[in-house]
């Protein structure tokens, strides 16, 4: 009888102790200023929704984001003047990251980069429709590598490989 009561007591105590959570892999994607985790929501990392009281306009964080935008759109790190100007505009609240991205995406340097990808992948210059499509594509958060991948997987590229 004592053994039965002891076992029953142990089961009650054991059931009250929470089990450790099992690790679960979550795949998240970067989309512009958001980290998006399908089924779990998204997080805008430019907004100060952390409890550490750091400003969302912290110069280092702004410089890092602008540098990433340069790499995505122009395939290079920013020059000092560009970094300084865009950082100041974002920190002052005059520009958003989306405006920086759009400004760079519609620059002549971005057009040259897109045209170079066309030449490398398709062996020809970009037509005006394709150029405008891919400028907009860059402005919406995609990168030159995304363009390269899209063109390489296009029917035109497939027919060139035959």
C-alpha atoms as a PDB file:
ATOM      1  CA  UNK A   1       0.000   0.000   0.000  1.00  0.00           C
ATOM      2  CA  UNK A   2       2.799   2.398   0.883  1.00  0.00           C
ATOM      3  CA  UNK A   3       4.536   1.556  -2.393  1.00  0.00           C
ATOM      4  CA  UNK A   4       1.370   2.272  -4.386  1.00  0.00           C
ATOM      5  CA  UNK A   5       0.874   5.615  -2.633  1.00  0.00           C
ATOM      6  CA  UNK A   6       4.526   6.471  -3.200  1.00  0.00           C
ATOM      7  CA  UNK A   7       4.286   5.666  -6.940  1.00  0.00           C
ATOM      8  CA  UNK A   8       1.043   7.640  -7.261  1.00  0.00           C
ATOM      9  CA  UNK A   9       2.640  10.601  -5.462  1.00  0.00           C
ATOM     10  CA  UNK A  10       5.690  10.428  -7.719  1.00  0.00           C
ATOM     11  CA  UNK A  11       3.476  10.421 -10.830  1.00  0.00           C
ATOM     12  CA  UNK A  12       1.571  13.470  -9.595  1.00  0.00           C
ATOM     13  CA  UNK A  13       4.801  15.337  -8.865  1.00  0.00           C
ATOM     14  CA  UNK A  14       6.373  14.265 -12.181  1.00  0.00           C
ATOM     15  CA  UNK A  15       3.334  15.403 -14.147  1.00  0.00           C
ATOM     16  CA  UNK A  16       3.559  18.852 -12.538  1.00  0.00           C
ATOM     17  CA  UNK A  17       7.154  19.354 -13.720  1.00  0.00           C
ATOM     18  CA  UNK A  18       7.172  20.838 -17.218  1.00  0.00           C
ATOM     19  CA  UNK A  19       9.160  18.973 -19.831  1.00  0.00           C
ATOM     20  CA  UNK A  20      11.854  20.920 -21.649  1.00  0.00           C
ATOM     21  CA  UNK A  21      10.727  22.308 -24.992  1.00  0.00           C
ATOM     22  CA  UNK A  22      11.908  20.379 -27.991  1.00  0.00           C
ATOM     23  CA  UNK A  23      14.051  22.313 -30.439  1.00  0.00           C
ATOM     24  CA  UNK A  24      12.276  23.124 -33.656  1.00  0.00           C
ATOM     25  CA  UNK A  25      13.924  24.418 -36.803  1.00  0.00           C
ATOM     26  CA  UNK A  26      12.248  27.512 -38.201  1.00  0.00           C
ATOM     27  CA  UNK A  27      13.220  28.833 -41.618  1.00  0.00           C
ATOM     28  CA  UNK A  28      13.097  32.608 -41.895  1.00  0.00           C
ATOM     29  CA  UNK A  29      13.732  34.926 -44.825  1.00  0.00           C
ATOM     30  CA  UNK A  30      14.977  38.494 -45.108  1.00  0.00           C
ATOM     31  CA  UNK A  31      12.629  40.717 -47.092  1.00  0.00           C
ATOM     32  CA  UNK A  32      13.660  44.361 -47.107  1.00  0.00           C
ATOM     33  CA  UNK A  33      13.597  45.509 -43.482  1.00  0.00           C
ATOM     34  CA  UNK A  34      11.730  42.426 -42.328  1.00  0.00           C
ATOM     35  CA  UNK A  35      12.711  39.018 -41.080  1.00  0.00           C
ATOM     36  CA  UNK A  36       9.798  36.825 -42.131  1.00  0.00           C
ATOM     37  CA  UNK A  37       9.175  33.404 -40.590  1.00  0.00           C
ATOM     38  CA  UNK A  38       6.252  31.689 -42.381  1.00  0.00           C
ATOM     39  CA  UNK A  39       3.680  30.581 -39.836  1.00  0.00           C
ATOM     40  CA  UNK A  40       5.283  32.699 -37.103  1.00  0.00           C
ATOM     41  CA  UNK A  41       5.008  36.266 -38.380  1.00  0.00           C
ATOM     42  CA  UNK A  42       7.558  38.904 -39.247  1.00  0.00           C
ATOM     43  CA  UNK A  43       9.858  41.279 -37.419  1.00  0.00           C
ATOM     44  CA  UNK A  44      10.821  44.747 -38.644  1.00  0.00           C
ATOM     45  CA  UNK A  45      14.380  45.036 -37.396  1.00  0.00           C
ATOM     46  CA  UNK A  46      14.554  48.760 -38.155  1.00  0.00           C
ATOM     47  CA  UNK A  47      11.951  49.516 -35.511  1.00  0.00           C
ATOM     48  CA  UNK A  48      12.838  49.684 -31.831  1.00  0.00           C
ATOM     49  CA  UNK A  49      10.680  46.874 -30.531  1.00  0.00           C
ATOM     50  CA  UNK A  50      13.392  45.482 -28.304  1.00  0.00           C
ATOM     51  CA  UNK A  51      13.551  46.233 -24.614  1.00  0.00           C
ATOM     52  CA  UNK A  52      17.172  47.419 -24.628  1.00  0.00           C
ATOM     53  CA  UNK A  53      16.297  51.083 -25.352  1.00  0.00           C
ATOM     54  CA  UNK A  54      18.630  51.284 -28.364  1.00  0.00           C
ATOM     55  CA  UNK A  55      17.516  53.735 -30.995  1.00  0.00           C
ATOM     56  CA  UNK A  56      16.374  52.200 -34.268  1.00  0.00           C
ATOM     57  CA  UNK A  57      18.361  54.966 -35.959  1.00  0.00           C
ATOM     58  CA  UNK A  58      21.686  53.876 -34.425  1.00  0.00           C
ATOM     59  CA  UNK A  59      24.381  55.015 -36.889  1.00  0.00           C
ATOM     60  CA  UNK A  60      26.190  51.669 -36.983  1.00  0.00           C
ATOM     61  CA  UNK A  61      22.957  49.764 -37.672  1.00  0.00           C
ATOM     62  CA  UNK A  62      21.964  52.256 -40.375  1.00  0.00           C
ATOM     63  CA  UNK A  63      25.403  51.982 -42.008  1.00  0.00           C
ATOM     64  CA  UNK A  64      25.184  48.185 -41.949  1.00  0.00           C
ATOM     65  CA  UNK A  65      21.760  48.188 -43.604  1.00  0.00           C
ATOM     66  CA  UNK A  66      22.821  50.708 -46.251  1.00  0.00           C
ATOM     67  CA  UNK A  67      25.975  48.681 -46.945  1.00  0.00           C
ATOM     68  CA  UNK A  68      23.822  45.586 -47.477  1.00  0.00           C
ATOM     69  CA  UNK A  69      21.543  47.508 -49.834  1.00  0.00           C
ATOM     70  CA  UNK A  70      24.611  48.580 -51.852  1.00  0.00           C
ATOM     71  CA  UNK A  71      25.833  44.975 -52.047  1.00  0.00           C
ATOM     72  CA  UNK A  72      22.382  43.719 -53.084  1.00  0.00           C
ATOM     73  CA  UNK A  73      21.788  46.349 -55.751  1.00  0.00           C
ATOM     74  CA  UNK A  74      25.218  47.395 -56.995  1.00  0.00           C
ATOM     75  CA  UNK A  75      27.270  44.342 -56.046  1.00  0.00           C
ATOM     76  CA  UNK A  76      29.786  46.395 -54.074  1.00  0.00           C
ATOM     77  CA  UNK A  77      30.363  48.168 -50.790  1.00  0.00           C
ATOM     78  CA  UNK A  78      29.302  51.818 -50.601  1.00  0.00           C
ATOM     79  CA  UNK A  79      31.701  54.662 -51.271  1.00  0.00           C
ATOM     80  CA  UNK A  80      32.289  56.978 -48.294  1.00  0.00           C
ATOM     81  CA  UNK A  81      30.228  59.867 -49.682  1.00  0.00           C
ATOM     82  CA  UNK A  82      27.241  57.678 -50.523  1.00  0.00           C
ATOM     83  CA  UNK A  83      27.336  55.931 -47.164  1.00  0.00           C
ATOM     84  CA  UNK A  84      27.590  59.234 -45.313  1.00  0.00           C
ATOM     85  CA  UNK A  85      24.758  60.873 -47.279  1.00  0.00           C
ATOM     86  CA  UNK A  86      22.321  57.959 -47.069  1.00  0.00           C
ATOM     87  CA  UNK A  87      23.133  57.358 -43.380  1.00  0.00           C
ATOM     88  CA  UNK A  88      22.469  60.984 -42.521  1.00  0.00           C
ATOM     89  CA  UNK A  89      19.194  60.988 -44.486  1.00  0.00           C
ATOM     90  CA  UNK A  90      17.951  57.812 -42.795  1.00  0.00           C
ATOM     91  CA  UNK A  91      19.057  58.889 -39.311  1.00  0.00           C
ATOM     92  CA  UNK A  92      17.314  62.254 -39.705  1.00  0.00           C
ATOM     93  CA  UNK A  93      14.139  60.496 -40.788  1.00  0.00           C
ATOM     94  CA  UNK A  94      14.216  62.210 -44.192  1.00  0.00           C
ATOM     95  CA  UNK A  95      14.554  58.891 -46.064  1.00  0.00           C
ATOM     96  CA  UNK A  96      13.489  55.308 -45.432  1.00  0.00           C
ATOM     97  CA  UNK A  97      15.576  52.279 -46.386  1.00  0.00           C
ATOM     98  CA  UNK A  98      13.029  51.668 -49.144  1.00  0.00           C
ATOM     99  CA  UNK A  99      13.810  55.114 -50.592  1.00  0.00           C
ATOM    100  CA  UNK A 100      17.555  54.385 -50.479  1.00  0.00           C
ATOM    101  CA  UNK A 101      16.943  51.047 -52.182  1.00  0.00           C
ATOM    102  CA  UNK A 102      14.766  52.673 -54.866  1.00  0.00           C
ATOM    103  CA  UNK A 103      17.300  55.455 -55.472  1.00  0.00           C
ATOM    104  CA  UNK A 104      20.094  52.934 -55.999  1.00  0.00           C
ATOM    105  CA  UNK A 105      17.931  50.513 -58.015  1.00  0.00           C
ATOM    106  CA  UNK A 106      17.076  53.207 -60.545  1.00  0.00           C
ATOM    107  CA  UNK A 107      20.655  54.500 -60.851  1.00  0.00           C
ATOM    108  CA  UNK A 108      22.739  54.154 -64.001  1.00  0.00           C
ATOM    109  CA  UNK A 109      25.166  51.945 -62.067  1.00  0.00           C
ATOM    110  CA  UNK A 110      22.382  49.467 -61.278  1.00  0.00           C
ATOM    111  CA  UNK A 111      21.292  49.543 -64.935  1.00  0.00           C
ATOM    112  CA  UNK A 112      24.869  48.691 -65.969  1.00  0.00           C
ATOM    113  CA  UNK A 113      24.965  45.832 -63.452  1.00  0.00           C
ATOM    114  CA  UNK A 114      21.661  44.433 -64.752  1.00  0.00           C
ATOM    115  CA  UNK A 115      22.867  44.727 -68.350  1.00  0.00           C
ATOM    116  CA  UNK A 116      26.111  42.918 -67.467  1.00  0.00           C
ATOM    117  CA  UNK A 117      24.103  40.028 -66.020  1.00  0.00           C
ATOM    118  CA  UNK A 118      22.036  39.873 -69.226  1.00  0.00           C
ATOM    119  CA  UNK A 119      25.230  39.709 -71.281  1.00  0.00           C
ATOM    120  CA  UNK A 120      26.773  37.030 -69.052  1.00  0.00           C
ATOM    121  CA  UNK A 121      23.681  34.824 -68.863  1.00  0.00           C
ATOM    122  CA  UNK A 122      21.828  35.463 -72.131  1.00  0.00           C
ATOM    123  CA  UNK A 123      24.608  36.810 -74.347  1.00  0.00           C
ATOM    124  CA  UNK A 124      22.733  40.009 -75.165  1.00  0.00           C
ATOM    125  CA  UNK A 125      21.889  43.430 -73.780  1.00  0.00           C
ATOM    126  CA  UNK A 126      18.777  43.879 -71.666  1.00  0.00           C
ATOM    127  CA  UNK A 127      15.686  45.057 -73.515  1.00  0.00           C
ATOM    128  CA  UNK A 128      13.892  48.086 -72.052  1.00  0.00           C
ATOM    129  CA  UNK A 129      11.056  46.004 -70.566  1.00  0.00           C
ATOM    130  CA  UNK A 130      13.454  43.633 -68.852  1.00  0.00           C
ATOM    131  CA  UNK A 131      15.568  46.520 -67.593  1.00  0.00           C
ATOM    132  CA  UNK A 132      12.583  48.261 -65.973  1.00  0.00           C
ATOM    133  CA  UNK A 133      11.276  44.979 -64.546  1.00  0.00           C
ATOM    134  CA  UNK A 134      14.581  44.192 -62.877  1.00  0.00           C
ATOM    135  CA  UNK A 135      15.124  47.728 -61.578  1.00  0.00           C
ATOM    136  CA  UNK A 136      11.745  47.428 -59.862  1.00  0.00           C
ATOM    137  CA  UNK A 137      12.720  43.923 -58.698  1.00  0.00           C
ATOM    138  CA  UNK A 138      15.820  45.373 -57.010  1.00  0.00           C
ATOM    139  CA  UNK A 139      13.811  48.231 -55.504  1.00  0.00           C
ATOM    140  CA  UNK A 140      11.470  45.697 -53.892  1.00  0.00           C
ATOM    141  CA  UNK A 141      14.233  43.991 -51.930  1.00  0.00           C
ATOM    142  CA  UNK A 142      15.853  41.538 -54.313  1.00  0.00           C
ATOM    143  CA  UNK A 143      19.510  41.350 -55.265  1.00  0.00           C
ATOM    144  CA  UNK A 144      21.667  41.074 -58.369  1.00  0.00           C
ATOM    145  CA  UNK A 145      22.181  37.404 -57.488  1.00  0.00           C
ATOM    146  CA  UNK A 146      18.400  36.932 -57.546  1.00  0.00           C
ATOM    147  CA  UNK A 147      18.314  38.455 -61.041  1.00  0.00           C
ATOM    148  CA  UNK A 148      21.174  36.225 -62.166  1.00  0.00           C
ATOM    149  CA  UNK A 149      19.337  33.153 -60.848  1.00  0.00           C
ATOM    150  CA  UNK A 150      16.037  34.172 -62.506  1.00  0.00           C
ATOM    151  CA  UNK A 151      17.657  34.790 -65.866  1.00  0.00           C
ATOM    152  CA  UNK A 152      19.682  31.570 -65.669  1.00  0.00           C
ATOM    153  CA  UNK A 153      16.461  29.620 -65.064  1.00  0.00           C
ATOM    154  CA  UNK A 154      14.535  31.392 -67.834  1.00  0.00           C
ATOM    155  CA  UNK A 155      13.333  29.614 -70.988  1.00  0.00           C
ATOM    156  CA  UNK A 156      15.654  31.845 -73.044  1.00  0.00           C
ATOM    157  CA  UNK A 157      18.696  30.701 -71.063  1.00  0.00           C
ATOM    158  CA  UNK A 158      17.563  27.068 -71.343  1.00  0.00           C
ATOM    159  CA  UNK A 159      17.292  27.315 -75.132  1.00  0.00           C
ATOM    160  CA  UNK A 160      20.764  28.907 -75.292  1.00  0.00           C
ATOM    161  CA  UNK A 161      22.279  25.912 -73.473  1.00  0.00           C
ATOM    162  CA  UNK A 162      20.941  23.398 -76.008  1.00  0.00           C
END
